[in-house]
C-alpha atoms as a PDB file:
ATOM      1  CA  MET A   1       0.474   0.005  -0.353  1.00  0.00           C
ATOM      2  CA  SER A   2       2.784   2.553   0.915  1.00  0.00           C
ATOM      3  CA  ASP A   3       5.114   2.505  -1.966  1.00  0.00           C
ATOM      4  CA  SER A   4       1.981   2.075  -4.345  1.00  0.00           C
ATOM      5  CA  ILE A   5       0.079   5.704  -2.573  1.00  0.00           C
ATOM      6  CA  ALA A   6       4.097   7.807  -2.618  1.00  0.00           C
ATOM      7  CA  GLU A   7       4.250   6.757  -6.853  1.00  0.00           C
ATOM      8  CA  GLN A   8      -0.134   8.145  -6.921  1.00  0.00           C
ATOM      9  CA  ILE A   9       1.946  11.111  -4.919  1.00  0.00           C
ATOM     10  CA  ALA A  10       4.552  11.572  -6.871  1.00  0.00           C
ATOM     11  CA  ASN A  11       3.217  10.761  -9.985  1.00  0.00           C
ATOM     12  CA  ILE A  12       0.208  13.891  -9.440  1.00  0.00           C
ATOM     13  CA  ARG A  13       3.319  16.126  -8.205  1.00  0.00           C
ATOM     14  CA  ALA A  14       4.917  16.068 -11.515  1.00  0.00           C
ATOM     15  CA  SER A  15       2.413  16.591 -13.279  1.00  0.00           C
ATOM     16  CA  ILE A  16       1.140  19.969 -11.974  1.00  0.00           C
ATOM     17  CA  PRO A  17       3.606  22.772 -11.037  1.00  0.00           C
ATOM     18  CA  PRO A  18       4.940  23.718  -7.562  1.00  0.00           C
ATOM     19  CA  SER A  19       2.893  26.952  -6.782  1.00  0.00           C
ATOM     20  CA  VAL A  20      -0.889  23.738  -7.371  1.00  0.00           C
ATOM     21  CA  ARG A  21      -1.459  22.442  -4.040  1.00  0.00           C
ATOM     22  CA  LEU A  22      -2.398  18.941  -3.783  1.00  0.00           C
ATOM     23  CA  VAL A  23      -5.573  18.390  -1.103  1.00  0.00           C
ATOM     24  CA  ALA A  24      -5.498  14.526  -0.564  1.00  0.00           C
ATOM     25  CA  VAL A  25      -8.876  13.852  -0.382  1.00  0.00           C
ATOM     26  CA  THR A  26      -9.331  10.990   2.337  1.00  0.00           C
ATOM     27  CA  LYS A  27     -13.243  10.652   2.432  1.00  0.00           C
ATOM     28  CA  THR A  28     -13.326   6.545   4.090  1.00  0.00           C
ATOM     29  CA  VAL A  29      -9.373   6.401   3.998  1.00  0.00           C
ATOM     30  CA  SER A  30      -7.853   4.897   6.844  1.00  0.00           C
ATOM     31  CA  ALA A  31      -5.660   7.397   9.266  1.00  0.00           C
ATOM     32  CA  ASP A  32      -2.354   4.500   8.474  1.00  0.00           C
ATOM     33  CA  ALA A  33      -2.990   5.443   4.548  1.00  0.00           C
ATOM     34  CA  ILE A  34      -2.498   9.110   5.584  1.00  0.00           C
ATOM     35  CA  ARG A  35       0.006   8.515   7.562  1.00  0.00           C
ATOM     36  CA  VAL A  36       1.694   6.691   4.522  1.00  0.00           C
ATOM     37  CA  ALA A  37       0.549  10.121   2.195  1.00  0.00           C
ATOM     38  CA  TYR A  38       1.547  12.055   5.346  1.00  0.00           C
ATOM     39  CA  ALA A  39       5.924   9.827   5.425  1.00  0.00           C
ATOM     40  CA  ALA A  40       5.314  10.921   1.042  1.00  0.00           C
ATOM     41  CA  GLY A  41       5.148  15.218   2.315  1.00  0.00           C
ATOM     42  CA  VAL A  42       1.600  15.632   2.000  1.00  0.00           C
ATOM     43  CA  ARG A  43       0.252  17.986   4.742  1.00  0.00           C
ATOM     44  CA  ASP A  44      -3.052  19.507   3.425  1.00  0.00           C
ATOM     45  CA  PHE A  45      -5.792  16.556   3.979  1.00  0.00           C
ATOM     46  CA  GLY A  46      -9.276  17.270   2.823  1.00  0.00           C
ATOM     47  CA  GLU A  47     -13.204  15.552   3.944  1.00  0.00           C
ATOM     48  CA  ASN A  48     -16.152  15.326   3.515  1.00  0.00           C
ATOM     49  CA  ARG A  49     -17.675  15.119   6.736  1.00  0.00           C
ATOM     50  CA  VAL A  50     -17.092  16.380   9.989  1.00  0.00           C
ATOM     51  CA  GLN A  51     -17.824  13.515  12.285  1.00  0.00           C
ATOM     52  CA  GLU A  52     -15.471  11.127   9.785  1.00  0.00           C
ATOM     53  CA  ALA A  53     -12.986  13.401  10.115  1.00  0.00           C
ATOM     54  CA  GLU A  54     -12.800  14.201  13.584  1.00  0.00           C
ATOM     55  CA  ALA A  55     -12.202  10.615  14.332  1.00  0.00           C
ATOM     56  CA  LYS A  56      -9.338  10.674  12.041  1.00  0.00           C
ATOM     57  CA  GLN A  57      -7.892  13.175  13.454  1.00  0.00           C
ATOM     58  CA  GLU A  58      -7.703  12.108  17.432  1.00  0.00           C
ATOM     59  CA  GLN A  59      -5.502   9.305  15.779  1.00  0.00           C
ATOM     60  CA  LEU A  60      -3.074  12.355  13.771  1.00  0.00           C
ATOM     61  CA  ARG A  61      -2.762  14.632  16.550  1.00  0.00           C
ATOM     62  CA  ASP A  62       1.017  13.919  16.772  1.00  0.00           C
ATOM     63  CA  LEU A  63       1.626  15.150  13.176  1.00  0.00           C
ATOM     64  CA  THR A  64       0.718  18.711  13.879  1.00  0.00           C
ATOM     65  CA  ASP A  65       1.793  20.220  10.649  1.00  0.00           C
ATOM     66  CA  ILE A  66      -1.833  18.638   9.013  1.00  0.00           C
ATOM     67  CA  THR A  67      -3.843  21.377   7.432  1.00  0.00           C
ATOM     68  CA  TRP A  68      -7.840  20.083   7.153  1.00  0.00           C
ATOM     69  CA  HIS A  69     -10.112  20.977   4.560  1.00  0.00           C
ATOM     70  CA  LEU A  70     -13.716  20.261   4.516  1.00  0.00           C
ATOM     71  CA  ILE A  71     -14.356  19.620   1.668  1.00  0.00           C
ATOM     72  CA  GLY A  72     -18.107  18.459   1.432  1.00  0.00           C
ATOM     73  CA  HIS A  73     -21.586  20.308   2.583  1.00  0.00           C
ATOM     74  CA  VAL A  74     -21.869  21.910   5.730  1.00  0.00           C
ATOM     75  CA  GLN A  75     -25.090  20.650   7.524  1.00  0.00           C
ATOM     76  CA  SER A  76     -26.278  23.546   9.753  1.00  0.00           C
ATOM     77  CA  ASN A  77     -25.494  21.664  13.301  1.00  0.00           C
ATOM     78  CA  LYS A  78     -21.841  20.804  11.665  1.00  0.00           C
ATOM     79  CA  ALA A  79     -21.194  24.195  11.466  1.00  0.00           C
ATOM     80  CA  ALA A  80     -19.218  24.511  15.228  1.00  0.00           C
ATOM     81  CA  ARG A  81     -17.389  21.547  14.710  1.00  0.00           C
ATOM     82  CA  ALA A  82     -16.727  22.934  11.332  1.00  0.00           C
ATOM     83  CA  ILE A  83     -15.327  25.915  12.716  1.00  0.00           C
ATOM     84  CA  ALA A  84     -13.234  24.498  15.105  1.00  0.00           C
ATOM     85  CA  ASN A  85     -11.431  21.560  13.173  1.00  0.00           C
ATOM     86  CA  PHE A  86     -11.021  22.365  10.125  1.00  0.00           C
ATOM     87  CA  ASP A  87      -8.048  24.827   8.884  1.00  0.00           C
ATOM     88  CA  TRP A  88     -10.077  25.579   5.263  1.00  0.00           C
ATOM     89  CA  ILE A  89     -13.881  25.040   4.458  1.00  0.00           C
ATOM     90  CA  HIS A  90     -14.407  25.261   0.760  1.00  0.00           C
ATOM     91  CA  SER A  91     -17.582  23.846   0.612  1.00  0.00           C
ATOM     92  CA  VAL A  92     -19.771  27.929   1.770  1.00  0.00           C
ATOM     93  CA  ASP A  93     -22.559  27.050  -0.576  1.00  0.00           C
ATOM     94  CA  SER A  94     -25.022  29.914   1.064  1.00  0.00           C
ATOM     95  CA  LEU A  95     -25.446  33.633   2.202  1.00  0.00           C
ATOM     96  CA  LYS A  96     -26.913  31.584   5.252  1.00  0.00           C
ATOM     97  CA  LEU A  97     -23.688  29.780   6.493  1.00  0.00           C
ATOM     98  CA  ALA A  98     -21.650  31.784   5.682  1.00  0.00           C
ATOM     99  CA  LYS A  99     -23.025  34.070   8.434  1.00  0.00           C
ATOM    100  CA  ARG A 100     -23.590  31.397  10.442  1.00  0.00           C
ATOM    101  CA  LEU A 101     -19.629  30.387  10.088  1.00  0.00           C
ATOM    102  CA  ASP A 102     -18.596  34.177  10.442  1.00  0.00           C
ATOM    103  CA  ARG A 103     -20.433  34.470  13.128  1.00  0.00           C
ATOM    104  CA  LEU A 104     -19.098  30.875  15.409  1.00  0.00           C
ATOM    105  CA  ALA A 105     -15.958  32.042  13.965  1.00  0.00           C
ATOM    106  CA  ARG A 106     -15.708  35.464  15.806  1.00  0.00           C
ATOM    107  CA  GLU A 107     -17.619  32.836  18.946  1.00  0.00           C
ATOM    108  CA  GLN A 108     -14.937  30.529  19.176  1.00  0.00           C
ATOM    109  CA  SER A 109     -11.941  33.063  17.627  1.00  0.00           C
ATOM    110  CA  ARG A 110     -11.409  31.281  14.897  1.00  0.00           C
ATOM    111  CA  SER A 111     -10.860  32.848  11.188  1.00  0.00           C
ATOM    112  CA  PRO A 112     -10.440  29.859   9.396  1.00  0.00           C
ATOM    113  CA  HIS A 113     -10.051  29.834   5.234  1.00  0.00           C
ATOM    114  CA  VAL A 114     -12.735  29.799   2.528  1.00  0.00           C
ATOM    115  CA  CYS A 115     -13.494  29.427  -0.949  1.00  0.00           C
ATOM    116  CA  PHE A 116     -16.769  30.135  -1.684  1.00  0.00           C
ATOM    117  CA  GLN A 117     -18.707  27.386  -4.228  1.00  0.00           C
ATOM    118  CA  VAL A 118     -20.245  27.917  -7.075  1.00  0.00           C
ATOM    119  CA  LYS A 119     -22.500  26.213  -9.565  1.00  0.00           C
ATOM    120  CA  ILE A 120     -21.471  27.568 -13.174  1.00  0.00           C
ATOM    121  CA  LEU A 121     -23.909  25.008 -14.576  1.00  0.00           C
ATOM    122  CA  PRO A 122     -27.374  23.643 -13.005  1.00  0.00           C
ATOM    123  CA  ASP A 123     -26.614  20.712 -11.397  1.00  0.00           C
ATOM    124  CA  PRO A 124     -29.797  19.505  -8.306  1.00  0.00           C
ATOM    125  CA  ASN A 125     -27.045  17.314  -7.144  1.00  0.00           C
ATOM    126  CA  LYS A 126     -24.321  20.203  -5.886  1.00  0.00           C
ATOM    127  CA  TYR A 127     -24.985  22.659  -3.362  1.00  0.00           C
ATOM    128  CA  GLY A 128     -23.640  25.816  -4.768  1.00  0.00           C
ATOM    129  CA  TRP A 129     -24.809  29.630  -5.560  1.00  0.00           C
ATOM    130  CA  THR A 130     -25.374  30.075  -8.538  1.00  0.00           C
ATOM    131  CA  VAL A 131     -22.804  33.072 -10.480  1.00  0.00           C
ATOM    132  CA  PRO A 132     -25.935  36.139 -10.395  1.00  0.00           C
ATOM    133  CA  GLU A 133     -26.649  34.819  -6.812  1.00  0.00           C
ATOM    134  CA  LEU A 134     -23.083  34.665  -5.585  1.00  0.00           C
ATOM    135  CA  MET A 135     -22.759  38.276  -7.870  1.00  0.00           C
ATOM    136  CA  ALA A 136     -26.110  39.269  -5.618  1.00  0.00           C
ATOM    137  CA  ASP A 137     -24.577  38.500  -1.657  1.00  0.00           C
ATOM    138  CA  LEU A 138     -21.222  39.945  -2.254  1.00  0.00           C
ATOM    139  CA  PRO A 139     -22.177  43.538  -0.751  1.00  0.00           C
ATOM    140  CA  LYS A 140     -22.954  41.115   2.491  1.00  0.00           C
ATOM    141  CA  LEU A 141     -20.772  38.461   2.257  1.00  0.00           C
ATOM    142  CA  ASP A 142     -17.792  41.305   1.913  1.00  0.00           C
ATOM    143  CA  ALA A 143     -19.190  41.495   6.217  1.00  0.00           C
ATOM    144  CA  CYS A 144     -17.807  38.127   7.117  1.00  0.00           C
ATOM    145  CA  THR A 145     -14.671  39.357   8.132  1.00  0.00           C
ATOM    146  CA  ALA A 146     -13.796  36.839  10.806  1.00  0.00           C
ATOM    147  CA  LEU A 147     -13.748  34.424   7.539  1.00  0.00           C
ATOM    148  CA  LYS A 148     -10.542  34.713   5.297  1.00  0.00           C
ATOM    149  CA  ILE A 149     -11.892  34.447   1.865  1.00  0.00           C
ATOM    150  CA  GLN A 150      -9.519  33.396  -0.155  1.00  0.00           C
ATOM    151  CA  GLY A 151     -11.475  32.249  -3.555  1.00  0.00           C
ATOM    152  CA  LEU A 152     -13.858  30.098  -5.121  1.00  0.00           C
ATOM    153  CA  MET A 153     -14.306  25.952  -5.485  1.00  0.00           C
ATOM    154  CA  THR A 154     -16.609  24.043  -7.617  1.00  0.00           C
ATOM    155  CA  ILE A 155     -17.605  20.707  -8.849  1.00  0.00           C
ATOM    156  CA  PRO A 156     -18.152  20.256 -12.662  1.00  0.00           C
ATOM    157  CA  PRO A 157     -21.493  18.215 -13.289  1.00  0.00           C
ATOM    158  CA  GLN A 158     -20.888  14.717 -13.848  1.00  0.00           C
ATOM    159  CA  GLY A 159     -21.340  13.543 -17.566  1.00  0.00           C
ATOM    160  CA  LEU A 160     -19.287  16.198 -19.480  1.00  0.00           C
ATOM    161  CA  ASP A 161     -17.070  15.392 -21.892  1.00  0.00           C
ATOM    162  CA  GLU A 162     -13.613  17.344 -21.592  1.00  0.00           C
ATOM    163  CA  THR A 163     -13.971  20.098 -23.474  1.00  0.00           C
ATOM    164  CA  GLU A 164     -17.720  21.326 -21.391  1.00  0.00           C
ATOM    165  CA  THR A 165     -15.265  19.940 -18.386  1.00  0.00           C
ATOM    166  CA  ARG A 166     -12.524  22.508 -19.253  1.00  0.00           C
ATOM    167  CA  SER A 167     -15.049  25.200 -20.096  1.00  0.00           C
ATOM    168  CA  VAL A 168     -16.490  25.483 -16.408  1.00  0.00           C
ATOM    169  CA  PHE A 169     -12.999  25.398 -14.783  1.00  0.00           C
ATOM    170  CA  GLU A 170     -12.489  28.591 -17.345  1.00  0.00           C
ATOM    171  CA  ALA A 171     -15.756  30.143 -16.387  1.00  0.00           C
ATOM    172  CA  THR A 172     -14.865  30.015 -12.378  1.00  0.00           C
ATOM    173  CA  ARG A 173     -11.433  31.330 -13.751  1.00  0.00           C
ATOM    174  CA  GLU A 174     -13.540  34.098 -15.598  1.00  0.00           C
ATOM    175  CA  LEU A 175     -15.794  34.771 -12.526  1.00  0.00           C
ATOM    176  CA  ALA A 176     -12.931  35.135  -9.555  1.00  0.00           C
ATOM    177  CA  ASP A 177     -11.493  37.667 -11.793  1.00  0.00           C
ATOM    178  CA  ARG A 178     -15.124  39.529 -12.076  1.00  0.00           C
ATOM    179  CA  ILE A 179     -15.626  39.184  -8.324  1.00  0.00           C
ATOM    180  CA  ARG A 180     -11.370  40.702  -7.676  1.00  0.00           C
ATOM    181  CA  SER A 181     -11.815  43.686 -10.337  1.00  0.00           C
ATOM    182  CA  GLN A 182     -14.923  44.920  -7.763  1.00  0.00           C
ATOM    183  CA  ASN A 183     -11.981  45.362  -5.169  1.00  0.00           C
ATOM    184  CA  TRP A 184     -14.419  43.798  -1.909  1.00  0.00           C
ATOM    185  CA  ASP A 185     -12.932  45.357   1.318  1.00  0.00           C
ATOM    186  CA  HIS A 186     -12.177  41.227   2.372  1.00  0.00           C
ATOM    187  CA  ILE A 187     -13.173  39.067  -0.062  1.00  0.00           C
ATOM    188  CA  GLN A 188      -9.867  38.149  -1.951  1.00  0.00           C
ATOM    189  CA  MET A 189      -9.845  36.193  -5.358  1.00  0.00           C
ATOM    190  CA  ARG A 190      -6.702  34.444  -4.620  1.00  0.00           C
ATOM    191  CA  GLU A 191      -7.284  30.546  -4.294  1.00  0.00           C
ATOM    192  CA  LEU A 192      -9.319  28.480  -7.309  1.00  0.00           C
ATOM    193  CA  SER A 193     -10.597  24.907  -5.515  1.00  0.00           C
ATOM    194  CA  MET A 194     -10.764  22.973  -8.766  1.00  0.00           C
ATOM    195  CA  GLY A 195      -9.611  19.368 -10.570  1.00  0.00           C
ATOM    196  CA  MET A 196      -9.963  16.179  -8.794  1.00  0.00           C
ATOM    197  CA  SER A 197      -8.769  12.217  -9.911  1.00  0.00           C
ATOM    198  CA  ALA A 198     -10.454  12.449 -13.208  1.00  0.00           C
ATOM    199  CA  ASP A 199     -10.103  15.940 -13.943  1.00  0.00           C
ATOM    200  CA  TYR A 200      -7.326  17.967 -12.459  1.00  0.00           C
ATOM    201  CA  LEU A 201      -5.562  18.225 -15.318  1.00  0.00           C
ATOM    202  CA  LEU A 202      -8.395  20.625 -17.079  1.00  0.00           C
ATOM    203  CA  ALA A 203      -8.391  22.330 -13.881  1.00  0.00           C
ATOM    204  CA  VAL A 204      -4.972  22.919 -13.713  1.00  0.00           C
ATOM    205  CA  GLU A 205      -4.760  24.280 -16.919  1.00  0.00           C
ATOM    206  CA  ALA A 206      -7.715  26.785 -16.056  1.00  0.00           C
ATOM    207  CA  GLY A 207      -6.293  28.126 -13.234  1.00  0.00           C
ATOM    208  CA  ALA A 208      -6.943  26.022 -10.495  1.00  0.00           C
ATOM    209  CA  THR A 209      -4.482  25.942  -7.578  1.00  0.00           C
ATOM    210  CA  LEU A 210      -5.667  23.741  -5.113  1.00  0.00           C
ATOM    211  CA  ILE A 211      -6.455  20.150  -6.143  1.00  0.00           C
ATOM    212  CA  ARG A 212      -9.010  17.714  -4.787  1.00  0.00           C
ATOM    213  CA  PRO A 213      -7.328  13.928  -6.041  1.00  0.00           C
ATOM    214  CA  GLY A 214      -8.563  11.395  -3.980  1.00  0.00           C
ATOM    215  CA  GLN A 215      -9.184   8.053  -5.461  1.00  0.00           C
ATOM    216  CA  SER A 216      -6.175   8.440  -7.918  1.00  0.00           C
ATOM    217  CA  ILE A 217      -3.788   8.662  -4.768  1.00  0.00           C
ATOM    218  CA  PHE A 218      -5.693   6.491  -2.391  1.00  0.00           C
ATOM    219  CA  GLY A 219      -7.723   4.102  -4.943  1.00  0.00           C
ATOM    220  CA  LYS A 220     -11.666   3.512  -4.946  1.00  0.00           C
ATOM    221  CA  ARG A 221     -13.300   4.300  -2.218  1.00  0.00           C
ATOM    222  CA  LYS A 222     -15.137   1.604   0.384  1.00  0.00           C
ATOM    223  CA  ILE A 223     -18.827   2.665   0.376  1.00  0.00           C
END
């Protein structure tokens, strides 16, 4: 297992610029496998569910320089624990959630890095803002000053071909450029969290700064 994980990490790193941050997605992956990835140099790990992450974080407390990324939907009743246990939240998908996280961050004296999750194309299976919704909410989001708003996250709908997938990533980059040009006080657009195992190369070509491969590192997920 260890040789395979290390080899896959090396292959991914060789295929992306050094400036692109590799977030290894560890949904259903054991703490032991995370240790192998850590030994191969990975320091950023992404989890979909707060509860699953907490169990692994407890087992890995000796690895003090891990940065934990929450990439799955944040349920309202898990928001306080998300703030307490994650350095990054990629999946801030509504104004209501952003305000809740901002309030909780103040209460906990935390300042997580966050990305706004956007839906470039209609997708009933994904959370997130449409582009018009996000643009309309920016003035209120700019007031969420306890959050370090870093950029955008997107997940293309399933079933797209390569050209369509690339266009989603490019449109996300263009949206970030548009928001950046408005010169908000607290909204930064430094980061683009785009690309998973099957499409991270397309995402990097389009400007991704954070990629989120999982199965291409750890193998097929257990159900």
